[in-house]
PDB file of N, CA and C in Angstrom:
ATOM      1  N   MET A   1      62.394  90.007  75.029  1.00  0.00           N
ATOM      2  CA  MET A   1      62.158  91.345  74.535  1.00  0.00           C
ATOM      3  C   MET A   1      62.252  91.318  73.017  1.00  0.00           C
ATOM      4  N   LEU A   2      61.588  92.268  72.424  1.00  0.00           N
ATOM      5  CA  LEU A   2      61.644  92.434  70.986  1.00  0.00           C
ATOM      6  C   LEU A   2      62.131  93.849  70.710  1.00  0.00           C
ATOM      7  N   TYR A   3      63.092  93.965  69.793  1.00  0.00           N
ATOM      8  CA  TYR A   3      63.639  95.261  69.422  1.00  0.00           C
ATOM      9  C   TYR A   3      63.029  95.665  68.094  1.00  0.00           C
ATOM     10  N   GLU A   4      62.709  96.930  67.955  1.00  0.00           N
ATOM     11  CA  GLU A   4      61.981  97.392  66.783  1.00  0.00           C
ATOM     12  C   GLU A   4      62.678  98.559  66.106  1.00  0.00           C
ATOM     13  N   GLY A   5      62.781  98.480  64.811  1.00  0.00           N
ATOM     14  CA  GLY A   5      63.168  99.612  63.993  1.00  0.00           C
ATOM     15  C   GLY A   5      64.625 100.033  64.121  1.00  0.00           C
ATOM     16  N   ASP A   6      64.937 101.111  63.456  1.00  0.00           N
ATOM     17  CA  ASP A   6      66.311 101.608  63.410  1.00  0.00           C
ATOM     18  C   ASP A   6      66.836 102.009  64.774  1.00  0.00           C
ATOM     19  N   CYS A   7      65.952 102.454  65.653  1.00  0.00           N
ATOM     20  CA  CYS A   7      66.379 102.889  66.985  1.00  0.00           C
ATOM     21  C   CYS A   7      66.317 101.758  68.006  1.00  0.00           C
ATOM     22  N   PHE A   8      65.881 100.599  67.582  1.00  0.00           N
ATOM     23  CA  PHE A   8      65.783  99.424  68.453  1.00  0.00           C
ATOM     24  C   PHE A   8      64.978  99.693  69.714  1.00  0.00           C
ATOM     25  N   THR A   9      63.828 100.325  69.531  1.00  0.00           N
ATOM     26  CA  THR A   9      62.885 100.453  70.633  1.00  0.00           C
ATOM     27  C   THR A   9      62.586  99.034  71.110  1.00  0.00           C
ATOM     28  N   GLU A  10      62.485  98.836  72.394  1.00  0.00           N
ATOM     29  CA  GLU A  10      62.291  97.486  72.906  1.00  0.00           C
ATOM     30  C   GLU A  10      61.018  97.383  73.720  1.00  0.00           C
ATOM     31  N   TYR A  11      60.438  96.203  73.702  1.00  0.00           N
ATOM     32  CA  TYR A  11      59.282  95.950  74.548  1.00  0.00           C
ATOM     33  C   TYR A  11      59.249  94.485  74.952  1.00  0.00           C
ATOM     34  N   VAL A  12      58.653  94.244  76.089  1.00  0.00           N
ATOM     35  CA  VAL A  12      58.545  92.900  76.644  1.00  0.00           C
ATOM     36  C   VAL A  12      57.267  92.280  76.102  1.00  0.00           C
ATOM     37  N   TYR A  13      57.396  91.177  75.403  1.00  0.00           N
ATOM     38  CA  TYR A  13      56.217  90.524  74.840  1.00  0.00           C
ATOM     39  C   TYR A  13      55.802  89.283  75.615  1.00  0.00           C
ATOM     40  N   ARG A  14      56.621  88.882  76.564  1.00  0.00           N
ATOM     41  CA  ARG A  14      56.299  87.716  77.385  1.00  0.00           C
ATOM     42  C   ARG A  14      57.007  87.863  78.720  1.00  0.00           C
ATOM     43  N   GLN A  15      56.324  87.490  79.781  1.00  0.00           N
ATOM     44  CA  GLN A  15      56.944  87.540  81.093  1.00  0.00           C
ATOM     45  C   GLN A  15      58.097  86.541  81.149  1.00  0.00           C
ATOM     46  N   PRO A  16      59.142  86.857  81.893  1.00  0.00           N
ATOM     47  CA  PRO A  16      60.288  85.941  81.984  1.00  0.00           C
ATOM     48  C   PRO A  16      59.867  84.589  82.555  1.00  0.00           C
ATOM     49  N   ARG A  17      60.507  83.545  82.054  1.00  0.00           N
ATOM     50  CA  ARG A  17      60.195  82.173  82.494  1.00  0.00           C
ATOM     51  C   ARG A  17      61.278  81.569  83.368  1.00  0.00           C
ATOM     52  N   THR A  18      62.470  82.127  83.299  1.00  0.00           N
ATOM     53  CA  THR A  18      63.595  81.578  84.059  1.00  0.00           C
ATOM     54  C   THR A  18      64.277  82.716  84.821  1.00  0.00           C
ATOM     55  N   ARG A  19      65.123  82.338  85.767  1.00  0.00           N
ATOM     56  CA  ARG A  19      65.896  83.358  86.491  1.00  0.00           C
ATOM     57  C   ARG A  19      66.773  84.154  85.530  1.00  0.00           C
ATOM     58  N   GLY A  20      67.350  83.471  84.565  1.00  0.00           N
ATOM     59  CA  GLY A  20      68.203  84.152  83.592  1.00  0.00           C
ATOM     60  C   GLY A  20      67.435  85.179  82.778  1.00  0.00           C
ATOM     61  N   GLN A  21      66.237  84.814  82.336  1.00  0.00           N
ATOM     62  CA  GLN A  21      65.405  85.765  81.596  1.00  0.00           C
ATOM     63  C   GLN A  21      64.988  86.934  82.476  1.00  0.00           C
ATOM     64  N   LEU A  22      64.672  86.651  83.726  1.00  0.00           N
ATOM     65  CA  LEU A  22      64.315  87.722  84.651  1.00  0.00           C
ATOM     66  C   LEU A  22      65.496  88.666  84.851  1.00  0.00           C
ATOM     67  N   GLN A  23      66.691  88.112  85.013  1.00  0.00           N
ATOM     68  CA  GLN A  23      67.876  88.950  85.191  1.00  0.00           C
ATOM     69  C   GLN A  23      68.116  89.802  83.954  1.00  0.00           C
ATOM     70  N   HIS A  24      67.923  89.218  82.784  1.00  0.00           N
ATOM     71  CA  HIS A  24      68.093  89.965  81.537  1.00  0.00           C
ATOM     72  C   HIS A  24      67.122  91.150  81.487  1.00  0.00           C
ATOM     73  N   LEU A  25      65.896  90.917  81.900  1.00  0.00           N
ATOM     74  CA  LEU A  25      64.884  91.970  81.912  1.00  0.00           C
ATOM     75  C   LEU A  25      65.228  93.064  82.926  1.00  0.00           C
ATOM     76  N   VAL A  26      65.658  92.667  84.107  1.00  0.00           N
ATOM     77  CA  VAL A  26      66.050  93.637  85.137  1.00  0.00           C
ATOM     78  C   VAL A  26      67.245  94.465  84.639  1.00  0.00           C
ATOM     79  N   ASP A  27      68.206  93.808  84.029  1.00  0.00           N
ATOM     80  CA  ASP A  27      69.369  94.528  83.498  1.00  0.00           C
ATOM     81  C   ASP A  27      68.949  95.529  82.420  1.00  0.00           C
ATOM     82  N   ALA A  28      68.046  95.116  81.542  1.00  0.00           N
ATOM     83  CA  ALA A  28      67.575  96.015  80.482  1.00  0.00           C
ATOM     84  C   ALA A  28      66.873  97.233  81.086  1.00  0.00           C
ATOM     85  N   ALA A  29      66.060  96.994  82.102  1.00  0.00           N
ATOM     86  CA  ALA A  29      65.344  98.101  82.750  1.00  0.00           C
ATOM     87  C   ALA A  29      66.323  99.070  83.409  1.00  0.00           C
ATOM     88  N   ARG A  30      67.353  98.537  84.032  1.00  0.00           N
ATOM     89  CA  ARG A  30      68.356  99.403  84.684  1.00  0.00           C
ATOM     90  C   ARG A  30      69.131 100.244  83.683  1.00  0.00           C
ATOM     91  N   GLU A  31      69.357  99.690  82.496  1.00  0.00           N
ATOM     92  CA  GLU A  31      70.158 100.379  81.490  1.00  0.00           C
ATOM     93  C   GLU A  31      69.340 101.280  80.580  1.00  0.00           C
ATOM     94  N   ASP A  32      68.032 101.249  80.698  1.00  0.00           N
ATOM     95  CA  ASP A  32      67.175 102.036  79.814  1.00  0.00           C
ATOM     96  C   ASP A  32      67.286 103.519  80.153  1.00  0.00           C
ATOM     97  N   PRO A  33      67.842 104.341  79.260  1.00  0.00           N
ATOM     98  CA  PRO A  33      68.025 105.767  79.567  1.00  0.00           C
ATOM     99  C   PRO A  33      66.704 106.548  79.600  1.00  0.00           C
ATOM    100  N   PHE A  34      65.624 105.946  79.079  1.00  0.00           N
ATOM    101  CA  PHE A  34      64.347 106.646  79.018  1.00  0.00           C
ATOM    102  C   PHE A  34      63.366 106.191  80.085  1.00  0.00           C
ATOM    103  N   SER A  35      63.795 105.289  80.959  1.00  0.00           N
ATOM    104  CA  SER A  35      62.946 104.759  82.040  1.00  0.00           C
ATOM    105  C   SER A  35      61.611 104.242  81.501  1.00  0.00           C
ATOM    106  N   GLY A  36      61.687 103.497  80.413  1.00  0.00           N
ATOM    107  CA  GLY A  36      60.482 102.974  79.777  1.00  0.00           C
ATOM    108  C   GLY A  36      59.909 101.734  80.437  1.00  0.00           C
ATOM    109  N   TYR A  37      60.650 101.130  81.339  1.00  0.00           N
ATOM    110  CA  TYR A  37      60.167  99.943  82.034  1.00  0.00           C
ATOM    111  C   TYR A  37      59.465 100.390  83.296  1.00  0.00           C
ATOM    112  N   GLY A  38      58.161 100.582  83.205  1.00  0.00           N
ATOM    113  CA  GLY A  38      57.428 101.154  84.317  1.00  0.00           C
ATOM    114  C   GLY A  38      56.918 100.148  85.325  1.00  0.00           C
ATOM    115  N   CYS A  39      56.862  98.861  84.956  1.00  0.00           N
ATOM    116  CA  CYS A  39      56.295  97.849  85.857  1.00  0.00           C
ATOM    117  C   CYS A  39      54.927  98.302  86.369  1.00  0.00           C
ATOM    118  N   ASP A  40      54.170  98.958  85.507  1.00  0.00           N
ATOM    119  CA  ASP A  40      52.897  99.526  85.927  1.00  0.00           C
ATOM    120  C   ASP A  40      51.728  99.114  85.026  1.00  0.00           C
ATOM    121  N   GLY A  41      51.860  97.990  84.352  1.00  0.00           N
ATOM    122  CA  GLY A  41      50.822  97.554  83.425  1.00  0.00           C
ATOM    123  C   GLY A  41      49.458  97.391  84.067  1.00  0.00           C
ATOM    124  N   ASP A  42      49.428  96.966  85.314  1.00  0.00           N
ATOM    125  CA  ASP A  42      48.136  96.770  85.992  1.00  0.00           C
ATOM    126  C   ASP A  42      47.365  98.084  86.131  1.00  0.00           C
ATOM    127  N   ALA A  43      48.057  99.194  86.086  1.00  0.00           N
ATOM    128  CA  ALA A  43      47.381 100.488  86.189  1.00  0.00           C
ATOM    129  C   ALA A  43      46.705 100.880  84.874  1.00  0.00           C
ATOM    130  N   TYR A  44      47.091 100.218  83.787  1.00  0.00           N
ATOM    131  CA  TYR A  44      46.575 100.588  82.473  1.00  0.00           C
ATOM    132  C   TYR A  44      45.716  99.512  81.825  1.00  0.00           C
ATOM    133  N   TRP A  45      46.021  98.245  82.080  1.00  0.00           N
ATOM    134  CA  TRP A  45      45.253  97.167  81.470  1.00  0.00           C
ATOM    135  C   TRP A  45      43.990  96.908  82.278  1.00  0.00           C
ATOM    136  N   THR A  46      42.900  96.743  81.575  1.00  0.00           N
ATOM    137  CA  THR A  46      41.620  96.371  82.173  1.00  0.00           C
ATOM    138  C   THR A  46      41.182  95.079  81.507  1.00  0.00           C
ATOM    139  N   PRO A  47      40.260  94.338  82.114  1.00  0.00           N
ATOM    140  CA  PRO A  47      39.758  93.139  81.440  1.00  0.00           C
ATOM    141  C   PRO A  47      39.232  93.436  80.032  1.00  0.00           C
ATOM    142  N   LYS A  48      38.539  94.549  79.874  1.00  0.00           N
ATOM    143  CA  LYS A  48      38.017  94.921  78.555  1.00  0.00           C
ATOM    144  C   LYS A  48      39.157  95.142  77.559  1.00  0.00           C
ATOM    145  N   ALA A  49      40.202  95.859  77.987  1.00  0.00           N
ATOM    146  CA  ALA A  49      41.340  96.137  77.106  1.00  0.00           C
ATOM    147  C   ALA A  49      42.079  94.856  76.733  1.00  0.00           C
ATOM    148  N   VAL A  50      42.230  93.940  77.679  1.00  0.00           N
ATOM    149  CA  VAL A  50      42.892  92.662  77.395  1.00  0.00           C
ATOM    150  C   VAL A  50      42.091  91.892  76.351  1.00  0.00           C
ATOM    151  N   ARG A  51      40.789  91.841  76.534  1.00  0.00           N
ATOM    152  CA  ARG A  51      39.938  91.110  75.578  1.00  0.00           C
ATOM    153  C   ARG A  51      39.960  91.768  74.192  1.00  0.00           C
ATOM    154  N   GLU A  52      39.991  93.080  74.141  1.00  0.00           N
ATOM    155  CA  GLU A  52      40.073  93.777  72.849  1.00  0.00           C
ATOM    156  C   GLU A  52      41.405  93.486  72.169  1.00  0.00           C
ATOM    157  N   TRP A  53      42.490  93.504  72.947  1.00  0.00           N
ATOM    158  CA  TRP A  53      43.800  93.188  72.387  1.00  0.00           C
ATOM    159  C   TRP A  53      43.786  91.771  71.831  1.00  0.00           C
ATOM    160  N   TRP A  54      43.240  90.848  72.589  1.00  0.00           N
ATOM    161  CA  TRP A  54      43.188  89.449  72.156  1.00  0.00           C
ATOM    162  C   TRP A  54      42.362  89.311  70.878  1.00  0.00           C
ATOM    163  N   ARG A  55      41.246  90.000  70.817  1.00  0.00           N
ATOM    164  CA  ARG A  55      40.383  89.951  69.633  1.00  0.00           C
ATOM    165  C   ARG A  55      41.143  90.432  68.395  1.00  0.00           C
ATOM    166  N   ASP A  56      41.997  91.426  68.572  1.00  0.00           N
ATOM    167  CA  ASP A  56      42.706  92.034  67.452  1.00  0.00           C
ATOM    168  C   ASP A  56      44.124  91.501  67.257  1.00  0.00           C
ATOM    169  N   ARG A  57      44.448  90.397  67.902  1.00  0.00           N
ATOM    170  CA  ARG A  57      45.816  89.875  67.855  1.00  0.00           C
ATOM    171  C   ARG A  57      46.281  89.536  66.447  1.00  0.00           C
ATOM    172  N   GLY A  58      45.352  89.298  65.525  1.00  0.00           N
ATOM    173  CA  GLY A  58      45.728  89.026  64.136  1.00  0.00           C
ATOM    174  C   GLY A  58      46.527  90.163  63.526  1.00  0.00           C
ATOM    175  N   GLN A  59      46.254  91.385  63.954  1.00  0.00           N
ATOM    176  CA  GLN A  59      47.013  92.534  63.456  1.00  0.00           C
ATOM    177  C   GLN A  59      48.475  92.440  63.892  1.00  0.00           C
ATOM    178  N   ILE A  60      48.699  91.958  65.111  1.00  0.00           N
ATOM    179  CA  ILE A  60      50.076  91.789  65.605  1.00  0.00           C
ATOM    180  C   ILE A  60      50.769  90.700  64.801  1.00  0.00           C
ATOM    181  N   ARG A  61      50.072  89.585  64.568  1.00  0.00           N
ATOM    182  CA  ARG A  61      50.664  88.486  63.786  1.00  0.00           C
ATOM    183  C   ARG A  61      51.025  88.958  62.377  1.00  0.00           C
ATOM    184  N   GLU A  62      50.136  89.740  61.776  1.00  0.00           N
ATOM    185  CA  GLU A  62      50.381  90.269  60.438  1.00  0.00           C
ATOM    186  C   GLU A  62      51.593  91.195  60.442  1.00  0.00           C
ATOM    187  N   TYR A  63      51.665  92.059  61.428  1.00  0.00           N
ATOM    188  CA  TYR A  63      52.784  92.984  61.558  1.00  0.00           C
ATOM    189  C   TYR A  63      54.100  92.218  61.712  1.00  0.00           C
ATOM    190  N   LEU A  64      54.106  91.208  62.565  1.00  0.00           N
ATOM    191  CA  LEU A  64      55.316  90.420  62.773  1.00  0.00           C
ATOM    192  C   LEU A  64      55.766  89.760  61.482  1.00  0.00           C
ATOM    193  N   ALA A  65      54.819  89.240  60.718  1.00  0.00           N
ATOM    194  CA  ALA A  65      55.152  88.597  59.447  1.00  0.00           C
ATOM    195  C   ALA A  65      55.662  89.615  58.432  1.00  0.00           C
ATOM    196  N   ASP A  66      55.020  90.776  58.371  1.00  0.00           N
ATOM    197  CA  ASP A  66      55.405  91.804  57.405  1.00  0.00           C
ATOM    198  C   ASP A  66      56.801  92.369  57.668  1.00  0.00           C
ATOM    199  N   ARG A  67      57.219  92.429  58.919  1.00  0.00           N
ATOM    200  CA  ARG A  67      58.504  93.033  59.297  1.00  0.00           C
ATOM    201  C   ARG A  67      59.668  92.046  59.283  1.00  0.00           C
ATOM    202  N   ARG A  68      59.396  90.779  59.032  1.00  0.00           N
ATOM    203  CA  ARG A  68      60.445  89.765  59.165  1.00  0.00           C
ATOM    204  C   ARG A  68      61.692  90.089  58.345  1.00  0.00           C
ATOM    205  N   GLY A  69      61.523  90.489  57.090  1.00  0.00           N
ATOM    206  CA  GLY A  69      62.675  90.805  56.254  1.00  0.00           C
ATOM    207  C   GLY A  69      63.493  91.959  56.808  1.00  0.00           C
ATOM    208  N   ALA A  70      62.815  92.975  57.309  1.00  0.00           N
ATOM    209  CA  ALA A  70      63.517  94.132  57.887  1.00  0.00           C
ATOM    210  C   ALA A  70      64.277  93.719  59.133  1.00  0.00           C
ATOM    211  N   TRP A  71      63.655  92.873  59.954  1.00  0.00           N
ATOM    212  CA  TRP A  71      64.341  92.438  61.167  1.00  0.00           C
ATOM    213  C   TRP A  71      65.547  91.562  60.844  1.00  0.00           C
ATOM    214  N   GLU A  72      65.437  90.739  59.821  1.00  0.00           N
ATOM    215  CA  GLU A  72      66.590  89.936  59.434  1.00  0.00           C
ATOM    216  C   GLU A  72      67.738  90.836  58.981  1.00  0.00           C
ATOM    217  N   ALA A  73      67.406  91.904  58.256  1.00  0.00           N
ATOM    218  CA  ALA A  73      68.435  92.864  57.840  1.00  0.00           C
ATOM    219  C   ALA A  73      69.034  93.580  59.054  1.00  0.00           C
ATOM    220  N   ASP A  74      68.179  93.973  60.001  1.00  0.00           N
ATOM    221  CA  ASP A  74      68.675  94.600  61.237  1.00  0.00           C
ATOM    222  C   ASP A  74      69.623  93.663  61.976  1.00  0.00           C
ATOM    223  N   ASP A  75      69.266  92.385  62.021  1.00  0.00           N
ATOM    224  CA  ASP A  75      70.086  91.410  62.734  1.00  0.00           C
ATOM    225  C   ASP A  75      71.472  91.286  62.127  1.00  0.00           C
ATOM    226  N   GLN A  76      71.549  91.405  60.820  1.00  0.00           N
ATOM    227  CA  GLN A  76      72.857  91.321  60.166  1.00  0.00           C
ATOM    228  C   GLN A  76      73.759  92.474  60.604  1.00  0.00           C
ATOM    229  N   LYS A  77      73.167  93.638  60.881  1.00  0.00           N
ATOM    230  CA  LYS A  77      73.938  94.807  61.323  1.00  0.00           C
ATOM    231  C   LYS A  77      74.210  94.781  62.826  1.00  0.00           C
ATOM    232  N   SER A  78      73.189  94.362  63.606  1.00  0.00           N
ATOM    233  CA  SER A  78      73.270  94.556  65.060  1.00  0.00           C
ATOM    234  C   SER A  78      73.499  93.287  65.860  1.00  0.00           C
ATOM    235  N   GLY A  79      73.123  92.158  65.311  1.00  0.00           N
ATOM    236  CA  GLY A  79      73.241  90.912  66.060  1.00  0.00           C
ATOM    237  C   GLY A  79      72.276  90.802  67.222  1.00  0.00           C
ATOM    238  N   GLN A  80      71.147  91.506  67.172  1.00  0.00           N
ATOM    239  CA  GLN A  80      70.186  91.527  68.278  1.00  0.00           C
ATOM    240  C   GLN A  80      69.217  90.338  68.276  1.00  0.00           C
ATOM    241  N   ALA A  81      69.198  89.523  67.233  1.00  0.00           N
ATOM    242  CA  ALA A  81      68.305  88.367  67.131  1.00  0.00           C
ATOM    243  C   ALA A  81      66.829  88.779  67.143  1.00  0.00           C
ATOM    244  N   THR A  82      66.548  89.909  66.521  1.00  0.00           N
ATOM    245  CA  THR A  82      65.182  90.414  66.480  1.00  0.00           C
ATOM    246  C   THR A  82      64.276  89.496  65.676  1.00  0.00           C
ATOM    247  N   ALA A  83      64.746  88.997  64.550  1.00  0.00           N
ATOM    248  CA  ALA A  83      63.917  88.130  63.713  1.00  0.00           C
ATOM    249  C   ALA A  83      63.495  86.877  64.478  1.00  0.00           C
ATOM    250  N   SER A  84      64.404  86.268  65.217  1.00  0.00           N
ATOM    251  CA  SER A  84      64.030  85.070  65.976  1.00  0.00           C
ATOM    252  C   SER A  84      63.109  85.430  67.137  1.00  0.00           C
ATOM    253  N   ALA A  85      63.287  86.610  67.734  1.00  0.00           N
ATOM    254  CA  ALA A  85      62.379  87.042  68.799  1.00  0.00           C
ATOM    255  C   ALA A  85      60.978  87.257  68.245  1.00  0.00           C
ATOM    256  N   ALA A  86      60.871  87.798  67.032  1.00  0.00           N
ATOM    257  CA  ALA A  86      59.555  87.986  66.411  1.00  0.00           C
ATOM    258  C   ALA A  86      58.880  86.643  66.150  1.00  0.00           C
ATOM    259  N   LEU A  87      59.651  85.660  65.710  1.00  0.00           N
ATOM    260  CA  LEU A  87      59.087  84.317  65.513  1.00  0.00           C
ATOM    261  C   LEU A  87      58.634  83.721  66.839  1.00  0.00           C
ATOM    262  N   ASP A  88      59.426  83.949  67.884  1.00  0.00           N
ATOM    263  CA  ASP A  88      59.073  83.472  69.218  1.00  0.00           C
ATOM    264  C   ASP A  88      57.786  84.137  69.702  1.00  0.00           C
ATOM    265  N   TYR A  89      57.661  85.431  69.456  1.00  0.00           N
ATOM    266  CA  TYR A  89      56.458  86.170  69.845  1.00  0.00           C
ATOM    267  C   TYR A  89      55.240  85.621  69.111  1.00  0.00           C
ATOM    268  N   ALA A  90      55.370  85.385  67.812  1.00  0.00           N
ATOM    269  CA  ALA A  90      54.251  84.835  67.040  1.00  0.00           C
ATOM    270  C   ALA A  90      53.858  83.457  67.563  1.00  0.00           C
ATOM    271  N   ALA A  91      54.841  82.634  67.880  1.00  0.00           N
ATOM    272  CA  ALA A  91      54.550  81.309  68.426  1.00  0.00           C
ATOM    273  C   ALA A  91      53.868  81.425  69.789  1.00  0.00           C
ATOM    274  N   TYR A  92      54.258  82.391  70.579  1.00  0.00           N
ATOM    275  CA  TYR A  92      53.644  82.627  71.881  1.00  0.00           C
ATOM    276  C   TYR A  92      52.182  83.041  71.723  1.00  0.00           C
ATOM    277  N   ILE A  93      51.915  83.918  70.772  1.00  0.00           N
ATOM    278  CA  ILE A  93      50.533  84.323  70.502  1.00  0.00           C
ATOM    279  C   ILE A  93      49.693  83.110  70.112  1.00  0.00           C
ATOM    280  N   ASP A  94      50.259  82.247  69.281  1.00  0.00           N
ATOM    281  CA  ASP A  94      49.534  81.067  68.801  1.00  0.00           C
ATOM    282  C   ASP A  94      49.467  79.950  69.834  1.00  0.00           C
ATOM    283  N   GLY A  95      50.269  80.039  70.878  1.00  0.00           N
ATOM    284  CA  GLY A  95      50.361  78.953  71.850  1.00  0.00           C
ATOM    285  C   GLY A  95      49.877  79.318  73.240  1.00  0.00           C
ATOM    286  N   GLU A  96      50.824  79.572  74.130  1.00  0.00           N
ATOM    287  CA  GLU A  96      50.545  79.731  75.560  1.00  0.00           C
ATOM    288  C   GLU A  96      49.858  81.028  75.965  1.00  0.00           C
ATOM    289  N   LEU A  97      49.870  82.020  75.109  1.00  0.00           N
ATOM    290  CA  LEU A  97      49.388  83.333  75.516  1.00  0.00           C
ATOM    291  C   LEU A  97      47.938  83.314  75.987  1.00  0.00           C
ATOM    292  N   ALA A  98      47.074  82.578  75.348  1.00  0.00           N
ATOM    293  CA  ALA A  98      45.658  82.552  75.755  1.00  0.00           C
ATOM    294  C   ALA A  98      45.532  82.127  77.218  1.00  0.00           C
ATOM    295  N   ALA A  99      46.235  81.085  77.606  1.00  0.00           N
ATOM    296  CA  ALA A  99      46.177  80.623  79.003  1.00  0.00           C
ATOM    297  C   ALA A  99      46.752  81.676  79.946  1.00  0.00           C
ATOM    298  N   HIS A 100      47.846  82.292  79.556  1.00  0.00           N
ATOM    299  CA  HIS A 100      48.453  83.326  80.398  1.00  0.00           C
ATOM    300  C   HIS A 100      47.534  84.529  80.553  1.00  0.00           C
ATOM    301  N   LEU A 101      46.846  84.902  79.480  1.00  0.00           N
ATOM    302  CA  LEU A 101      45.929  86.041  79.567  1.00  0.00           C
ATOM    303  C   LEU A 101      44.723  85.726  80.447  1.00  0.00           C
ATOM    304  N   ARG A 102      44.267  84.493  80.446  1.00  0.00           N
ATOM    305  CA  ARG A 102      43.163  84.117  81.335  1.00  0.00           C
ATOM    306  C   ARG A 102      43.574  84.256  82.793  1.00  0.00           C
ATOM    307  N   VAL A 103      44.796  83.879  83.107  1.00  0.00           N
ATOM    308  CA  VAL A 103      45.315  84.065  84.467  1.00  0.00           C
ATOM    309  C   VAL A 103      45.421  85.553  84.770  1.00  0.00           C
ATOM    310  N   TYR A 104      45.883  86.333  83.805  1.00  0.00           N
ATOM    311  CA  TYR A 104      46.002  87.779  84.013  1.00  0.00           C
ATOM    312  C   TYR A 104      44.625  88.427  84.205  1.00  0.00           C
ATOM    313  N   LEU A 105      43.633  87.986  83.455  1.00  0.00           N
ATOM    314  CA  LEU A 105      42.273  88.491  83.651  1.00  0.00           C
ATOM    315  C   LEU A 105      41.795  88.207  85.068  1.00  0.00           C
ATOM    316  N   PHE A 106      42.091  87.006  85.558  1.00  0.00           N
ATOM    317  CA  PHE A 106      41.732  86.674  86.934  1.00  0.00           C
ATOM    318  C   PHE A 106      42.417  87.648  87.890  1.00  0.00           C
ATOM    319  N   TRP A 107      43.708  87.884  87.669  1.00  0.00           N
ATOM    320  CA  TRP A 107      44.464  88.811  88.514  1.00  0.00           C
ATOM    321  C   TRP A 107      43.841  90.202  88.499  1.00  0.00           C
ATOM    322  N   LEU A 108      43.506  90.687  87.310  1.00  0.00           N
ATOM    323  CA  LEU A 108      42.923  92.027  87.209  1.00  0.00           C
ATOM    324  C   LEU A 108      41.598  92.133  87.956  1.00  0.00           C
ATOM    325  N   ASP A 109      40.815  91.063  87.913  1.00  0.00           N
ATOM    326  CA  ASP A 109      39.516  91.064  88.606  1.00  0.00           C
ATOM    327  C   ASP A 109      39.650  90.878  90.114  1.00  0.00           C
ATOM    328  N   GLU A 110      40.533  89.984  90.522  1.00  0.00           N
ATOM    329  CA  GLU A 110      40.609  89.561  91.922  1.00  0.00           C
ATOM    330  C   GLU A 110      41.800  90.129  92.695  1.00  0.00           C
ATOM    331  N   ARG A 111      42.810  90.596  91.974  1.00  0.00           N
ATOM    332  CA  ARG A 111      44.055  91.096  92.580  1.00  0.00           C
ATOM    333  C   ARG A 111      44.750  90.043  93.439  1.00  0.00           C
ATOM    334  N   ARG A 112      44.662  88.821  92.966  1.00  0.00           N
ATOM    335  CA  ARG A 112      45.383  87.701  93.571  1.00  0.00           C
ATOM    336  C   ARG A 112      45.565  86.629  92.513  1.00  0.00           C
ATOM    337  N   PRO A 113      46.580  85.800  92.665  1.00  0.00           N
ATOM    338  CA  PRO A 113      46.745  84.713  91.691  1.00  0.00           C
ATOM    339  C   PRO A 113      45.660  83.659  91.894  1.00  0.00           C
ATOM    340  N   PRO A 114      45.270  82.982  90.843  1.00  0.00           N
ATOM    341  CA  PRO A 114      44.250  81.947  90.991  1.00  0.00           C
ATOM    342  C   PRO A 114      44.796  80.714  91.707  1.00  0.00           C
ATOM    343  N   THR A 115      43.914  80.037  92.391  1.00  0.00           N
ATOM    344  CA  THR A 115      44.255  78.750  92.994  1.00  0.00           C
ATOM    345  C   THR A 115      43.819  77.654  92.028  1.00  0.00           C
ATOM    346  N   LEU A 116      44.130  76.426  92.358  1.00  0.00           N
ATOM    347  CA  LEU A 116      43.736  75.304  91.502  1.00  0.00           C
ATOM    348  C   LEU A 116      42.219  75.138  91.419  1.00  0.00           C
ATOM    349  N   THR A 117      41.499  75.647  92.395  1.00  0.00           N
ATOM    350  CA  THR A 117      40.039  75.485  92.390  1.00  0.00           C
ATOM    351  C   THR A 117      39.304  76.678  91.780  1.00  0.00           C
ATOM    352  N   ASP A 118      40.015  77.743  91.473  1.00  0.00           N
ATOM    353  CA  ASP A 118      39.377  78.919  90.861  1.00  0.00           C
ATOM    354  C   ASP A 118      39.072  78.647  89.391  1.00  0.00           C
ATOM    355  N   THR A 119      37.999  79.234  88.914  1.00  0.00           N
ATOM    356  CA  THR A 119      37.645  79.186  87.499  1.00  0.00           C
ATOM    357  C   THR A 119      38.189  80.441  86.842  1.00  0.00           C
ATOM    358  N   LEU A 120      38.948  80.230  85.770  1.00  0.00           N
ATOM    359  CA  LEU A 120      39.527  81.361  85.065  1.00  0.00           C
ATOM    360  C   LEU A 120      38.502  81.979  84.117  1.00  0.00           C
ATOM    361  N   PRO A 121      38.526  83.293  83.966  1.00  0.00           N
ATOM    362  CA  PRO A 121      37.602  83.947  83.050  1.00  0.00           C
ATOM    363  C   PRO A 121      37.937  83.599  81.592  1.00  0.00           C
ATOM    364  N   GLN A 122      36.962  83.741  80.736  1.00  0.00           N
ATOM    365  CA  GLN A 122      37.174  83.512  79.317  1.00  0.00           C
ATOM    366  C   GLN A 122      37.731  84.771  78.669  1.00  0.00           C
ATOM    367  N   LEU A 123      38.436  84.565  77.567  1.00  0.00           N
ATOM    368  CA  LEU A 123      38.919  85.700  76.799  1.00  0.00           C
ATOM    369  C   LEU A 123      37.789  86.197  75.929  1.00  0.00           C
TER     370      LEU A 123
END
């Protein structure tokens, strides 16, 4: 998760990879007083929207870079490790995210996970 701003609004930028990360996410959702964890992304994301987001991902990278100093200052006050999470998010965008989004595009189109013989859609 990444925490943002003075109010530490949070959002999930990558699906959990381990049981511990999944538990952390479940705990955060349970403790969220605003019920912001809807687990309903499939109702809002479309293949077109995913591709548009991917096309414009440079804006996210720029934003992450521009906010680094503020997040480091926030971390000194809160200890939330926001600056390192932002670096992790940027690395994810530059690395594994493209492959993960191709799998997600397949899911959105087919409503099932791909098999080893399925061809994944392009971004």
